Protein backbone atom coordinates (compact mmCIF):
# COMPACT_ATOMS: atom_id res chain seq x y z
CA MET A 1 -46.79 10.51 16.05
CA GLU A 2 -44.55 9.66 19.48
CA LYS A 3 -43.24 6.07 19.64
CA THR A 4 -44.57 4.40 22.73
CA LYS A 5 -41.55 2.88 25.00
CA ARG A 6 -41.83 -0.95 25.07
CA LYS A 7 -41.72 -1.77 28.40
CA PHE A 8 -38.93 -4.18 29.64
CA ASP A 9 -39.96 -7.90 30.22
CA TRP A 10 -37.33 -9.85 31.85
CA LYS A 11 -39.24 -13.29 31.30
CA ARG A 12 -39.23 -12.33 27.54
CA GLU A 13 -35.50 -11.66 27.70
CA LEU A 14 -34.26 -14.47 29.67
CA LYS A 15 -36.18 -16.63 27.29
CA MET A 16 -34.07 -15.05 24.17
CA LEU A 17 -30.73 -15.34 26.68
CA PRO A 18 -29.53 -18.42 24.67
CA GLY A 19 -29.80 -16.68 21.37
CA TYR A 20 -28.09 -13.70 22.75
CA LEU A 21 -25.11 -15.93 24.02
CA VAL A 22 -25.04 -17.29 20.61
CA VAL A 23 -24.75 -13.92 18.79
CA ILE A 24 -22.42 -12.69 21.32
CA ALA A 25 -19.98 -15.68 21.01
CA TYR A 26 -20.23 -15.60 17.09
CA VAL A 27 -19.37 -11.71 16.97
CA GLY A 28 -16.68 -12.48 19.55
CA PHE A 29 -15.26 -14.69 17.26
CA LEU A 30 -15.03 -12.63 14.12
CA VAL A 31 -14.04 -9.86 15.86
CA VAL A 32 -10.69 -11.82 17.33
CA MET A 33 -10.15 -13.29 13.67
CA LEU A 34 -10.48 -10.08 11.91
CA SER A 35 -8.31 -8.49 14.21
CA TRP A 36 -5.40 -10.88 14.05
CA ILE A 37 -5.91 -10.79 10.22
CA PHE A 38 -5.29 -7.01 10.26
CA GLY A 39 -2.93 -7.36 12.91
CA ALA A 40 -0.89 -9.84 10.51
CA SER A 41 -1.19 -7.23 7.75
CA LEU A 42 1.23 -4.86 9.60
CA SER A 43 3.43 -7.47 10.98
CA THR A 44 6.48 -9.06 9.49
CA SER A 45 6.40 -12.88 8.42
CA ARG A 46 9.22 -13.62 11.40
CA GLU A 47 6.30 -12.16 13.79
CA ILE A 48 3.37 -14.33 12.06
CA MET A 49 5.37 -17.43 12.02
CA THR A 50 6.38 -16.52 15.87
CA GLY A 51 3.07 -15.93 17.00
CA SER A 52 3.46 -12.53 18.07
CA VAL A 53 1.38 -10.65 15.49
CA LEU A 54 -0.80 -8.49 18.14
CA LYS A 55 2.43 -7.14 19.74
CA PHE A 56 3.64 -5.03 16.93
CA ALA A 57 7.21 -5.51 18.63
CA SER A 58 8.96 -4.00 15.23
CA GLY A 59 6.09 -1.15 14.35
CA PHE A 60 3.18 -1.13 12.18
CA HIS A 61 4.60 -2.19 8.80
CA TRP A 62 2.51 -0.23 6.16
CA ASP A 63 4.65 -1.00 3.41
CA ASN A 64 2.91 -4.88 3.30
CA TYR A 65 -0.25 -2.82 1.71
CA ILE A 66 2.22 -0.98 -1.00
CA THR A 67 3.78 -4.42 -1.73
CA ALA A 68 0.66 -6.31 -2.38
CA TRP A 69 -1.11 -3.41 -4.31
CA LYS A 70 2.10 -3.05 -6.78
CA THR A 71 4.25 -5.90 -6.45
CA GLN A 72 1.92 -8.63 -5.84
CA ASN A 73 -0.52 -7.77 -8.79
CA VAL A 74 -3.58 -6.73 -6.42
CA SER A 75 -4.26 -3.58 -8.13
CA ILE A 76 -4.81 -5.80 -11.33
CA PHE A 77 -7.07 -8.43 -9.63
CA PHE A 78 -8.79 -5.66 -7.80
CA GLY A 79 -9.56 -3.70 -10.60
CA ASN A 80 -10.86 -6.86 -12.83
CA SER A 81 -13.17 -7.83 -10.13
CA LEU A 82 -14.61 -4.46 -9.71
CA LEU A 83 -14.85 -4.46 -13.65
CA TYR A 84 -16.63 -8.08 -13.60
CA ALA A 85 -19.05 -6.66 -10.70
CA VAL A 86 -20.23 -3.31 -12.09
CA ILE A 87 -20.67 -4.84 -15.52
CA SER A 88 -22.39 -7.59 -14.71
CA CYS A 89 -24.48 -5.98 -12.11
CA ALA A 90 -25.95 -3.72 -14.87
CA GLY A 91 -26.39 -6.32 -17.31
CA VAL A 92 -28.49 -8.62 -15.00
CA LEU A 93 -30.74 -5.83 -13.96
CA LEU A 94 -31.42 -4.74 -17.81
CA ILE A 95 -32.37 -8.20 -18.57
CA ALA A 96 -34.19 -9.47 -15.23
CA ALA A 97 -36.30 -6.63 -14.26
CA PRO A 98 -38.03 -6.63 -17.76
CA ALA A 99 -38.63 -10.13 -17.48
CA ALA A 100 -39.79 -9.79 -13.82
CA TYR A 101 -42.35 -7.21 -14.45
CA VAL A 102 -43.89 -9.15 -17.59
CA LEU A 103 -44.03 -12.16 -15.23
CA SER A 104 -45.66 -10.79 -12.84
CA ARG A 105 -48.22 -8.41 -14.31
CA TRP A 106 -49.44 -10.61 -16.91
CA ASN A 107 -50.88 -14.12 -17.53
CA PHE A 108 -49.80 -15.52 -20.47
CA ARG A 109 -49.20 -18.93 -22.41
CA GLY A 110 -46.12 -20.15 -21.38
CA SER A 111 -45.21 -17.58 -18.38
CA ARG A 112 -45.69 -20.41 -15.92
CA THR A 113 -43.19 -22.57 -17.64
CA ILE A 114 -40.96 -19.60 -17.73
CA ARG A 115 -41.37 -19.46 -13.90
CA ILE A 116 -40.47 -22.90 -13.46
CA ALA A 117 -37.34 -22.82 -15.87
CA LEU A 118 -36.32 -19.77 -13.73
CA VAL A 119 -36.70 -21.46 -10.66
CA ILE A 120 -34.92 -24.72 -12.26
CA ALA A 121 -31.71 -22.67 -13.58
CA MET A 122 -31.51 -21.05 -10.25
CA SER A 123 -30.92 -24.20 -8.57
CA VAL A 124 -28.49 -26.11 -10.95
CA PRO A 125 -25.06 -25.70 -9.63
CA ALA A 126 -22.19 -24.41 -11.59
CA ILE A 127 -20.20 -27.46 -11.37
CA MET A 128 -22.49 -29.33 -13.26
CA ILE A 129 -22.57 -26.75 -16.67
CA ILE A 130 -18.90 -26.11 -16.68
CA MET A 131 -17.91 -28.53 -18.92
CA PRO A 132 -20.62 -27.73 -21.60
CA LEU A 133 -20.03 -24.13 -21.01
CA TYR A 134 -16.25 -24.38 -21.68
CA SER A 135 -16.99 -26.47 -25.05
CA LEU A 136 -19.32 -24.04 -26.24
CA ALA A 137 -17.17 -21.16 -25.33
CA VAL A 138 -13.93 -23.30 -27.15
CA LYS A 139 -16.36 -23.91 -30.18
CA TRP A 140 -17.58 -20.36 -30.61
CA GLY A 141 -14.17 -18.78 -30.02
CA ILE A 142 -15.67 -16.60 -27.19
CA LYS A 143 -12.85 -16.10 -24.70
CA GLY A 144 -11.64 -13.13 -22.39
CA ARG A 145 -13.20 -10.67 -20.43
CA ILE A 146 -16.55 -10.75 -22.62
CA LEU A 147 -16.95 -14.68 -21.75
CA LEU A 148 -16.48 -14.13 -18.21
CA ILE A 149 -18.99 -10.99 -17.89
CA ALA A 150 -21.85 -12.97 -20.01
CA LEU A 151 -21.36 -16.10 -17.68
CA TYR A 152 -21.66 -14.07 -14.92
CA ILE A 153 -24.85 -12.14 -16.05
CA PHE A 154 -26.70 -15.33 -17.09
CA MET A 155 -25.80 -17.04 -14.04
CA ARG A 156 -27.68 -14.33 -11.59
CA VAL A 157 -30.43 -13.41 -14.26
CA PRO A 158 -32.73 -16.52 -12.88
CA TYR A 159 -32.20 -15.60 -9.36
CA THR A 160 -32.60 -11.83 -9.86
CA ALA A 161 -35.76 -12.05 -11.78
CA ILE A 162 -37.40 -14.38 -9.08
CA TYR A 163 -36.80 -12.12 -6.59
CA MET A 164 -37.74 -9.22 -7.90
CA LEU A 165 -41.22 -11.25 -8.95
CA ASP A 166 -43.13 -10.45 -5.68
CA PHE A 167 -41.83 -6.75 -5.81
CA PHE A 168 -43.74 -6.01 -8.71
CA ALA A 169 -46.61 -8.00 -7.58
CA THR A 170 -47.31 -5.73 -4.60
CA LEU A 171 -47.55 -2.67 -6.78
CA SER A 172 -50.85 -1.44 -7.80
CA HIS A 173 -52.13 -1.47 -11.19
CA ASP A 174 -53.38 2.04 -10.61
CA TYR A 175 -50.09 3.14 -11.42
CA GLU A 176 -50.27 1.74 -14.96
CA GLU A 177 -53.84 2.57 -15.69
CA ALA A 178 -53.07 6.60 -14.78
CA ALA A 179 -50.09 6.40 -17.04
CA ALA A 180 -51.77 4.78 -19.84
CA ILE A 181 -54.58 7.70 -19.46
CA ASP A 182 -51.75 10.27 -19.84
CA GLY A 183 -50.66 8.71 -22.99
CA CYS A 184 -47.78 6.92 -21.38
CA SER A 185 -46.49 3.77 -23.69
CA ALA A 186 -46.12 0.46 -21.73
CA ASN A 187 -42.17 1.10 -22.28
CA ARG A 188 -42.12 4.07 -20.69
CA THR A 189 -44.11 3.39 -17.81
CA PHE A 190 -41.93 0.57 -16.81
CA TRP A 191 -38.65 2.40 -16.84
CA VAL A 192 -40.15 5.76 -15.81
CA ILE A 193 -42.65 4.72 -13.07
CA MET A 194 -43.09 1.12 -12.30
CA LEU A 195 -38.70 0.30 -11.68
CA PRO A 196 -38.41 3.27 -9.46
CA LEU A 197 -40.71 2.17 -7.02
CA ILE A 198 -39.30 -0.95 -6.21
CA GLN A 199 -35.98 0.77 -5.25
CA PRO A 200 -35.40 -1.36 -2.05
CA ALA A 201 -35.51 -4.61 -4.12
CA ILE A 202 -32.98 -2.91 -7.14
CA ILE A 203 -30.55 -1.78 -4.16
CA THR A 204 -30.59 -5.05 -2.10
CA VAL A 205 -30.45 -7.56 -5.29
CA THR A 206 -27.63 -5.62 -6.89
CA ILE A 207 -25.47 -5.57 -3.45
CA PHE A 208 -26.26 -9.73 -3.54
CA ASN A 209 -24.97 -9.77 -7.04
CA PHE A 210 -21.98 -7.46 -6.76
CA LEU A 211 -20.98 -10.05 -3.99
CA SER A 212 -21.54 -13.15 -5.59
CA VAL A 213 -19.56 -11.89 -8.53
CA TRP A 214 -16.69 -10.57 -6.44
CA ASN A 215 -16.36 -13.42 -4.65
CA GLU A 216 -16.74 -15.85 -7.17
CA PHE A 217 -13.81 -18.58 -7.88
CA PHE A 218 -14.85 -21.41 -9.73
CA MET A 219 -15.47 -20.37 -13.10
CA ALA A 220 -12.98 -17.55 -12.99
CA LEU A 221 -10.41 -20.13 -12.15
CA ILE A 222 -11.54 -22.21 -15.25
CA PHE A 223 -12.16 -19.22 -17.65
CA THR A 224 -9.22 -17.08 -16.97
CA THR A 225 -6.42 -17.34 -19.17
CA GLY A 226 -3.96 -14.46 -17.87
CA LYS A 227 -3.04 -12.40 -14.89
CA GLU A 228 -4.72 -9.39 -17.45
CA MET A 229 -8.09 -10.94 -16.73
CA THR A 230 -7.72 -12.78 -13.29
CA PRO A 231 -10.25 -11.32 -10.42
CA VAL A 232 -9.59 -11.16 -6.84
CA GLY A 233 -10.45 -14.91 -5.94
CA VAL A 234 -7.93 -16.52 -8.33
CA GLY A 235 -5.73 -13.83 -7.71
CA LEU A 236 -5.53 -14.58 -3.96
CA LEU A 237 -4.76 -18.38 -4.92
CA GLN A 238 -1.79 -17.46 -7.03
CA ILE A 239 -0.38 -15.01 -4.23
CA VAL A 240 -0.70 -17.97 -1.83
CA ASN A 241 1.18 -20.15 -4.19
CA SER A 242 3.83 -17.60 -4.17
CA MET A 243 4.27 -17.62 -0.70
CA LYS A 244 6.45 -20.90 -1.00
CA TYR A 245 8.91 -18.51 -2.97
CA SER A 246 8.56 -14.94 -1.27
CA GLY A 247 7.61 -16.01 2.10
CA ASN A 248 6.14 -12.74 2.39
CA TYR A 249 3.20 -13.56 4.71
CA GLY A 250 2.77 -10.02 5.66
CA GLY A 251 1.93 -8.75 2.09
CA LEU A 252 -0.47 -11.85 1.87
CA PHE A 253 -2.82 -10.66 4.50
CA ALA A 254 -2.74 -7.52 3.49
CA ALA A 255 -4.12 -8.49 0.06
CA VAL A 256 -6.69 -10.39 1.96
CA ILE A 257 -7.77 -7.12 3.87
CA ILE A 258 -7.90 -4.98 0.80
CA VAL A 259 -10.08 -7.85 -1.31
CA PHE A 260 -11.94 -7.65 2.08
CA LEU A 261 -12.80 -4.01 2.13
CA PRO A 262 -15.51 -3.82 -0.58
CA THR A 263 -17.99 -6.29 1.10
CA PHE A 264 -17.23 -4.78 4.49
CA LEU A 265 -17.82 -1.32 3.60
CA LEU A 266 -21.16 -2.49 1.78
CA TYR A 267 -22.47 -4.49 4.74
CA LEU A 268 -21.33 -1.49 6.55
CA PHE A 269 -23.17 1.06 4.87
CA MET A 270 -25.85 -0.63 3.12
CA SER A 271 -27.27 -3.09 6.08
CA ARG A 272 -30.60 -1.07 6.57
CA ARG A 273 -31.07 -1.21 2.68
CA ILE A 274 -30.33 -4.42 2.48
CA ILE A 275 -33.01 -5.45 5.34
CA SER A 276 -35.54 -3.27 4.01
CA GLY A 277 -35.23 -4.87 0.73
CA VAL A 278 -35.57 -8.07 1.93
CA THR A 279 -38.31 -7.71 4.19
CA ALA A 280 -40.24 -5.20 1.67
CA GLY A 281 -41.14 -8.13 -0.79
CA GLY A 282 -43.59 -10.19 2.07
CA VAL A 283 -45.90 -6.76 2.47
CA LYS A 284 -48.67 -7.21 0.04
CA GLY A 285 -50.25 -3.39 -0.46
């Protein structure tokens, strides 16, 4: 089926011109800032302090990335954040997906209360519960990476469950009826048939959860007790604090680029998936 070309409407485009200008200005600002940071990561500290970043008078200093990765422990911070993000995203899906499926497909006593509780839990800022969590962690003797991963999982479950509710609600009950006729158990029906049908939602919410854990700072600052378990957010703070002694600002900006790269690549290659996953939940069928 051939797509019909939309006739160019000058009046409509002129009405949208202010919006276009805002977007162009914002994109231009981001391009300039990112270009400067990337240029600084390839410059010396002297060039950065004198404002001659993009001139590259002394050449491109790729060794800044080697220094940041090895000497400034970015490799450790990067690996820790990757570990936290991957395990947390998997754990969140294992808990939130079955919960969202049950809440969206069956009405039972307490289901509405659970939904309200999820919304309330999603609305509570982490700073309000950080001290009770810290007290319980000390009382129960929980520490290390296990504690941080558990906190990330439980903090993301309410949002993920609420997000997936609408997607499960759009699925026809015919799938479950056909599976029941074929002798498929409810558990197998969920994992084999129903869950793959909301793949756009799974991909989108997993990306959001990954970015949330990757960029998380406050809880990591409170609960990390050593370099071996420090993620990238707190690690960058430590690098900034060390600048007063080392003065290696080129290595600092190289570390910023390394930390920024995973989120940039996710948006670059998964932008269509994110948009389709966000919009698909509003379509009833």
